[in-house]
Every structure is written in structure tokens, then in C-alpha cells.
Amino acid sequence: MTHDSIVVTTDGPIGTLCINNPHKKNAVSNDMLKAMDQGLQRMEADGIRAVIIKGAGDRVFCSGYDVTTFSSALSELEEHAETGETRDYLRLALRRIENVGMPVISMINGHCIGAGVDISLACDLRYAATEVKFQVPPAKLGIVYNPDGIARAIRVLGVARAKELFFLGAGVSSEEAYEMGLVNRVLPAEQLADFTRTVAATLAENAPLSLRGMKAIFRFSMEHQRLSEEREREAEHLIIEAMKSRDAAEAMKAFSERRKPVFTGK
């Protein structure tokens, strides 16, 4: 099944969701995130027992959120702040990954940036090729990352490692990602697909109710880290404030001009 730039295929009990937007380095848009959400729902309804998420090609898993859609994302955030209607499609898609009853594996076959890291952290297992770079760059773009993504990083990496990843905005190698707990294993690129497929096949042979139940209990055990509604609103206002700042505009201008941004804190 193909929907825009998200391609969903199945092979017996194993499903694959491919981020297929190579001309934009597999950046994700709202339409793609909605398609990802729908694809995962469909696979669960069809009885798929394990899912692999990967990027098209072998250079980039996902380069993050499509920066050309930031203006529409800001409008949607402001609308949510006023009406309470959720239109944060990244949040919805990633919570779907966390909530579906079958295990989801991130096969990180290329560089993994921003929302790509968030997608991988939402998965149950993460396997990366060597020579892959991981980076979360909001501090270099003048924006504030969403609270779900920060909480997810804290759960996986711990506070100190998560702050280092988010505050510095610097890239880390596959080996560094393994050492900090961001990925489960690093493999040569030519072995990654076969290894991931073998893990998915093992998962598919295990008892579905057992995996579903244990995944839910893992999720229950971490739900106390969710923000209260009041804190969610505060976080949303911080995100909107940063996205409307001169620094955010400077970051977008610097990106288009291929130069380093100069931030003023305004």
C-alpha cells in the first residue's frame, strides 16, 4: 500500500513501513505522519505481528520534520492552543508507534536527524548501520522541541544524556549512539536488513498476546512521566514563542543561505 511518501508492505506476519521521500532526504510532513499513523492502524487490524520502519535508500533514515512546513505547523499549534483540538501529527504518529499491540523495530539505515530520532525512540527496538549520524538540532534552529520527544529521550537515555543530545545539537556516531543507549545494536550496513528481518521473524513467532501485554505494561510503567495538562499548555506556549521569534526566522534564513545562524535571544 502506498500513500504519498509512506510505503507500507507486508510479507506474512511482518510489515514494513518505508519513509519514501528521498528528494527531501526522507523529511516527514504532516501528510506523511498521518499516513504513517493510518498504516500502523491498518497493519494492526490485519493481524501483523511485527513492524519494521526504515528510510528509502541507504543514506538517510529520516532528516527530520520538513522545514518548509514550519509555517503551517505554527498555525496548527496556535489553533490547538486556542481550541484544544489536537493537530500535532508527529505526536499522534509516534504515540501510535508506542501504542500499537505489536513490536515496532526501527531499522536505521542512514542518517537520523530531529524527528527521525524521535521516530526511532518511539520504536521498541532500534538497530543502526555503522557510519550513521544521529542529531537533534532544535537549539541550532531557534525552536523548542515538543515535550513528548524530550520525555521520550529522557526515558531511553536518562536526563544527562538527553540534555547533552538536545542542548548541544551536535551529531553523534552510531557507536556513540550505542554507548548512550540510543540504539540496541550497530551492524555493518550490508548486514542490517537481514539482521533486522531475522529479529522481526523471531518476534512474529512469539505469542502475540504476550508481546501485546508486555508492551502495554512497559508503557504503563512510564506514563507517570507524562506532563499534566497545565504543563502541556505551558510547553505549547514556549514552543509557539520560539517558533515566532527572530531567532527562528534567522535560522531558516541561514539554512537557505547555507551559513551559520547568528542568534540574539529575541
Protein backbone atom coordinates (compact mmCIF):
# COMPACT_ATOMS: atom_id res chain seq x y z
CA MET A 1 0.00 0.00 0.00
CA THR A 2 1.36 3.43 -0.95
CA HIS A 3 0.13 6.78 0.43
CA ASP A 4 2.07 9.86 -0.66
CA SER A 5 5.61 9.28 0.59
CA ILE A 6 4.86 6.49 3.04
CA VAL A 7 5.01 2.97 1.60
CA VAL A 8 3.53 0.10 3.62
CA THR A 9 4.18 -3.51 2.58
CA THR A 10 3.53 -6.83 4.29
CA ASP A 11 5.17 -10.23 3.98
CA GLY A 12 3.30 -12.80 6.00
CA PRO A 13 3.20 -11.64 9.64
CA ILE A 14 5.84 -8.92 9.12
CA GLY A 15 5.03 -5.39 7.98
CA THR A 16 7.41 -2.74 6.68
CA LEU A 17 6.78 1.00 6.71
CA CYS A 18 9.17 2.94 4.49
CA ILE A 19 9.70 6.71 4.71
CA ASN A 20 9.97 7.34 0.98
CA ASN A 21 10.81 10.99 0.39
CA PRO A 22 14.38 10.81 -0.95
CA HIS A 23 14.34 14.15 -2.81
CA LYS A 24 13.96 15.79 0.64
CA LYS A 25 16.27 13.35 2.42
CA ASN A 26 13.26 11.47 3.80
CA ALA A 27 11.97 14.50 5.71
CA VAL A 28 8.47 13.98 7.08
CA SER A 29 5.43 16.22 6.61
CA ASN A 30 2.03 16.22 8.29
CA ASP A 31 0.52 14.24 5.41
CA MET A 32 3.27 11.63 5.75
CA LEU A 33 2.78 11.40 9.51
CA LYS A 34 -0.96 10.91 9.06
CA ALA A 35 -0.22 8.17 6.52
CA MET A 36 2.20 6.55 8.98
CA ASP A 37 -0.48 6.58 11.68
CA GLN A 38 -3.04 5.07 9.30
CA GLY A 39 -0.61 2.45 8.03
CA LEU A 40 0.17 1.25 11.54
CA GLN A 41 -3.53 1.09 12.38
CA ARG A 42 -4.22 -0.95 9.24
CA MET A 43 -1.39 -3.38 9.94
CA GLU A 44 -2.60 -3.92 13.49
CA ALA A 45 -6.15 -4.55 12.25
CA ASP A 46 -4.78 -7.03 9.69
CA GLY A 47 -3.00 -9.05 12.39
CA ILE A 48 0.59 -8.12 11.53
CA ARG A 49 2.86 -9.33 14.35
CA ALA A 50 5.99 -7.20 13.90
CA VAL A 51 6.72 -3.96 12.02
CA ILE A 52 9.97 -2.56 10.61
CA ILE A 53 10.29 1.19 9.98
CA LYS A 54 13.06 2.23 7.58
CA GLY A 55 14.04 5.04 5.24
CA ALA A 56 14.19 4.80 1.47
CA GLY A 57 17.69 4.31 0.10
CA ASP A 58 20.78 3.80 2.21
CA ARG A 59 21.94 7.33 3.07
CA VAL A 60 19.22 8.87 5.25
CA PHE A 61 16.71 7.18 7.54
CA CYS A 62 14.89 10.47 8.17
CA SER A 63 16.24 14.04 8.10
CA GLY A 64 13.54 15.31 10.44
CA TYR A 65 10.47 17.49 10.01
CA ASP A 66 10.19 19.20 6.63
CA VAL A 67 11.31 22.78 7.40
CA THR A 68 9.20 24.14 4.55
CA THR A 69 6.08 23.19 6.54
CA PHE A 70 7.04 25.12 9.71
CA SER A 71 4.62 27.98 8.99
CA SER A 72 1.65 25.60 8.74
CA ALA A 73 2.86 23.76 11.86
CA LEU A 74 2.88 27.07 13.75
CA SER A 75 -0.68 27.82 12.64
CA GLU A 76 -1.82 24.40 13.82
CA LEU A 77 -0.12 24.84 17.19
CA GLU A 78 -1.77 28.23 17.68
CA GLU A 79 -5.14 26.76 16.76
CA HIS A 80 -4.62 23.94 19.26
CA ALA A 81 -3.69 26.44 21.96
CA GLU A 82 -6.99 28.26 21.33
CA THR A 83 -9.38 25.36 20.68
CA GLY A 84 -7.75 22.32 22.30
CA GLU A 85 -8.14 20.36 19.05
CA THR A 86 -5.07 18.16 18.58
CA ARG A 87 -3.41 18.56 15.19
CA ASP A 88 0.12 17.61 16.22
CA TYR A 89 0.53 14.82 13.70
CA LEU A 90 4.05 13.95 14.84
CA ARG A 91 2.75 13.35 18.35
CA LEU A 92 -0.18 11.28 17.07
CA ALA A 93 2.02 9.12 14.81
CA LEU A 94 4.64 8.49 17.49
CA ARG A 95 2.06 7.64 20.11
CA ARG A 96 0.61 5.18 17.59
CA ILE A 97 4.02 3.50 17.35
CA GLU A 98 4.12 3.27 21.13
CA ASN A 99 0.52 2.08 21.49
CA VAL A 100 0.07 -0.49 18.72
CA GLY A 101 -0.07 -4.03 20.05
CA MET A 102 2.83 -5.43 18.02
CA PRO A 103 6.55 -4.66 18.44
CA VAL A 104 7.95 -1.98 16.12
CA ILE A 105 11.61 -2.02 15.04
CA SER A 106 13.50 1.00 13.75
CA MET A 107 15.98 -0.07 11.07
CA ILE A 108 18.21 2.99 10.93
CA ASN A 109 19.80 2.54 7.53
CA GLY A 110 21.03 6.11 7.16
CA HIS A 111 21.47 9.41 8.97
CA CYS A 112 18.83 10.05 11.62
CA ILE A 113 18.05 13.69 12.39
CA GLY A 114 15.46 15.52 14.54
CA ALA A 115 12.07 13.88 14.15
CA GLY A 116 13.89 10.84 12.76
CA VAL A 117 15.48 10.34 16.18
CA ASP A 118 12.06 10.81 17.79
CA ILE A 119 10.51 8.19 15.49
CA SER A 120 13.28 5.75 16.38
CA LEU A 121 12.97 6.41 20.12
CA ALA A 122 9.24 5.65 19.91
CA CYS A 123 10.04 2.20 18.49
CA ASP A 124 10.54 -0.81 20.74
CA LEU A 125 13.88 -1.86 19.24
CA ARG A 126 16.47 0.13 17.30
CA TYR A 127 19.24 -1.22 15.06
CA ALA A 128 21.61 1.07 13.18
CA ALA A 129 24.16 0.76 10.42
CA THR A 130 27.73 1.88 11.01
CA GLU A 131 28.62 5.34 9.67
CA VAL A 132 25.20 6.71 10.63
CA LYS A 133 24.97 10.13 12.30
CA PHE A 134 22.31 10.98 14.90
CA GLN A 135 21.42 14.60 15.64
CA VAL A 136 18.64 16.56 17.37
CA PRO A 137 19.14 20.19 16.19
CA PRO A 138 16.36 22.40 17.68
CA ALA A 139 18.91 24.55 19.55
CA LYS A 140 20.53 25.30 16.18
CA LEU A 141 17.18 26.15 14.59
CA GLY A 142 15.88 28.53 17.26
CA ILE A 143 12.96 26.27 18.18
CA VAL A 144 11.80 24.37 21.27
CA TYR A 145 11.29 20.63 20.86
CA ASN A 146 7.97 19.06 21.78
CA PRO A 147 7.61 17.72 25.36
CA ASP A 148 6.72 14.20 24.22
CA GLY A 149 10.01 13.93 22.34
CA ILE A 150 12.05 15.25 25.25
CA ALA A 151 10.31 12.89 27.69
CA ARG A 152 10.89 10.00 25.30
CA ALA A 153 14.61 10.79 25.14
CA ILE A 154 14.81 11.02 28.93
CA ARG A 155 13.16 7.60 29.30
CA VAL A 156 15.61 5.97 26.89
CA LEU A 157 18.82 7.91 27.55
CA GLY A 158 18.45 9.40 31.03
CA VAL A 159 18.41 13.12 31.83
CA ALA A 160 22.13 13.84 31.43
CA ARG A 161 22.49 12.14 28.05
CA ALA A 162 19.22 13.61 26.77
CA LYS A 163 20.29 17.15 27.73
CA GLU A 164 23.63 16.65 26.01
CA LEU A 165 21.90 15.49 22.81
CA PHE A 166 19.32 18.32 22.79
CA PHE A 167 21.34 21.23 24.21
CA LEU A 168 24.49 20.78 22.10
CA GLY A 169 22.64 19.82 18.92
CA ALA A 170 25.81 18.08 17.74
CA GLY A 171 25.86 14.87 15.75
CA VAL A 172 26.86 11.59 17.36
CA SER A 173 28.10 8.48 15.58
CA SER A 174 26.42 5.06 15.59
CA GLU A 175 28.97 3.84 18.11
CA GLU A 176 28.32 6.82 20.40
CA ALA A 177 24.59 6.25 20.00
CA TYR A 178 25.07 2.64 21.09
CA GLU A 179 27.14 3.68 24.11
CA MET A 180 24.47 6.15 25.26
CA GLY A 181 21.67 3.61 24.81
CA LEU A 182 20.03 5.25 21.81
CA VAL A 183 20.29 2.05 19.73
CA ASN A 184 20.29 -1.62 20.69
CA ARG A 185 22.98 -2.68 18.25
CA VAL A 186 25.20 -1.37 15.44
CA LEU A 187 25.89 -3.52 12.39
CA PRO A 188 27.71 -3.19 9.06
CA ALA A 189 25.32 -1.65 6.53
CA GLU A 190 25.28 -4.79 4.39
CA GLN A 191 24.12 -6.90 7.35
CA LEU A 192 21.49 -4.56 8.79
CA ALA A 193 18.46 -5.56 6.69
CA ASP A 194 18.96 -9.31 7.15
CA PHE A 195 19.58 -8.95 10.88
CA THR A 196 16.51 -6.75 11.37
CA ARG A 197 14.39 -9.14 9.33
CA THR A 198 15.59 -12.06 11.50
CA VAL A 199 14.64 -10.18 14.68
CA ALA A 200 11.22 -9.36 13.20
CA ALA A 201 10.70 -13.01 12.28
CA THR A 202 11.56 -14.07 15.83
CA LEU A 203 9.09 -11.56 17.23
CA ALA A 204 6.42 -12.77 14.81
CA GLU A 205 6.87 -16.34 16.08
CA ASN A 206 6.40 -15.32 19.72
CA ALA A 207 3.00 -15.28 21.42
CA PRO A 208 1.12 -12.15 20.23
CA LEU A 209 -0.87 -11.72 23.45
CA SER A 210 2.32 -11.99 25.49
CA LEU A 211 4.07 -9.30 23.44
CA ARG A 212 0.99 -7.08 23.40
CA GLY A 213 0.58 -7.37 27.17
CA MET A 214 4.23 -6.75 27.99
CA LYS A 215 4.45 -3.78 25.61
CA ALA A 216 1.40 -2.26 27.32
CA ILE A 217 2.87 -2.83 30.79
CA PHE A 218 6.15 -1.21 29.74
CA ARG A 219 4.09 1.76 28.55
CA PHE A 220 2.04 1.87 31.77
CA SER A 221 5.23 1.93 33.84
CA MET A 222 6.42 5.06 32.04
CA GLU A 223 3.17 7.02 31.92
CA HIS A 224 3.88 8.84 35.18
CA GLN A 225 6.42 10.87 33.21
CA ARG A 226 3.68 12.46 31.08
CA LEU A 227 3.14 16.17 31.64
CA SER A 228 -0.04 17.42 33.27
CA GLU A 229 -2.50 19.32 31.07
CA GLU A 230 -1.34 22.58 32.64
CA ARG A 231 2.31 21.82 31.90
CA GLU A 232 1.37 20.72 28.36
CA ARG A 233 -0.19 24.14 27.75
CA GLU A 234 2.88 25.91 29.18
CA ALA A 235 5.14 23.84 26.95
CA GLU A 236 2.98 24.61 23.91
CA HIS A 237 3.27 28.36 24.57
CA LEU A 238 7.05 28.05 24.86
CA ILE A 239 7.16 26.24 21.52
CA ILE A 240 4.96 28.86 19.83
CA GLU A 241 7.01 31.73 21.30
CA ALA A 242 10.23 30.24 19.94
CA MET A 243 8.76 29.49 16.50
CA LYS A 244 7.60 33.13 16.19
CA SER A 245 10.97 34.56 17.33
CA ARG A 246 13.51 36.46 15.27
CA ASP A 247 16.00 33.71 16.05
CA ALA A 248 13.78 31.09 14.36
CA ALA A 249 13.46 33.33 11.29
CA GLU A 250 17.23 33.82 11.30
CA ALA A 251 17.76 30.06 11.45
CA MET A 252 15.51 29.50 8.42
CA LYS A 253 17.28 32.28 6.51
CA ALA A 254 20.69 30.90 7.41
CA PHE A 255 19.57 27.42 6.34
CA SER A 256 18.54 28.68 2.90
CA GLU A 257 21.78 30.70 2.60
CA ARG A 258 23.90 27.74 3.75
CA ARG A 259 25.54 29.64 6.60
CA LYS A 260 25.73 29.50 10.37
CA PRO A 261 22.88 31.43 12.10
CA VAL A 262 23.59 34.33 14.44
CA PHE A 263 21.19 34.22 17.39
CA THR A 264 20.28 37.21 19.58
CA GLY A 265 17.80 35.65 22.03
CA LYS A 266 14.86 37.59 20.57
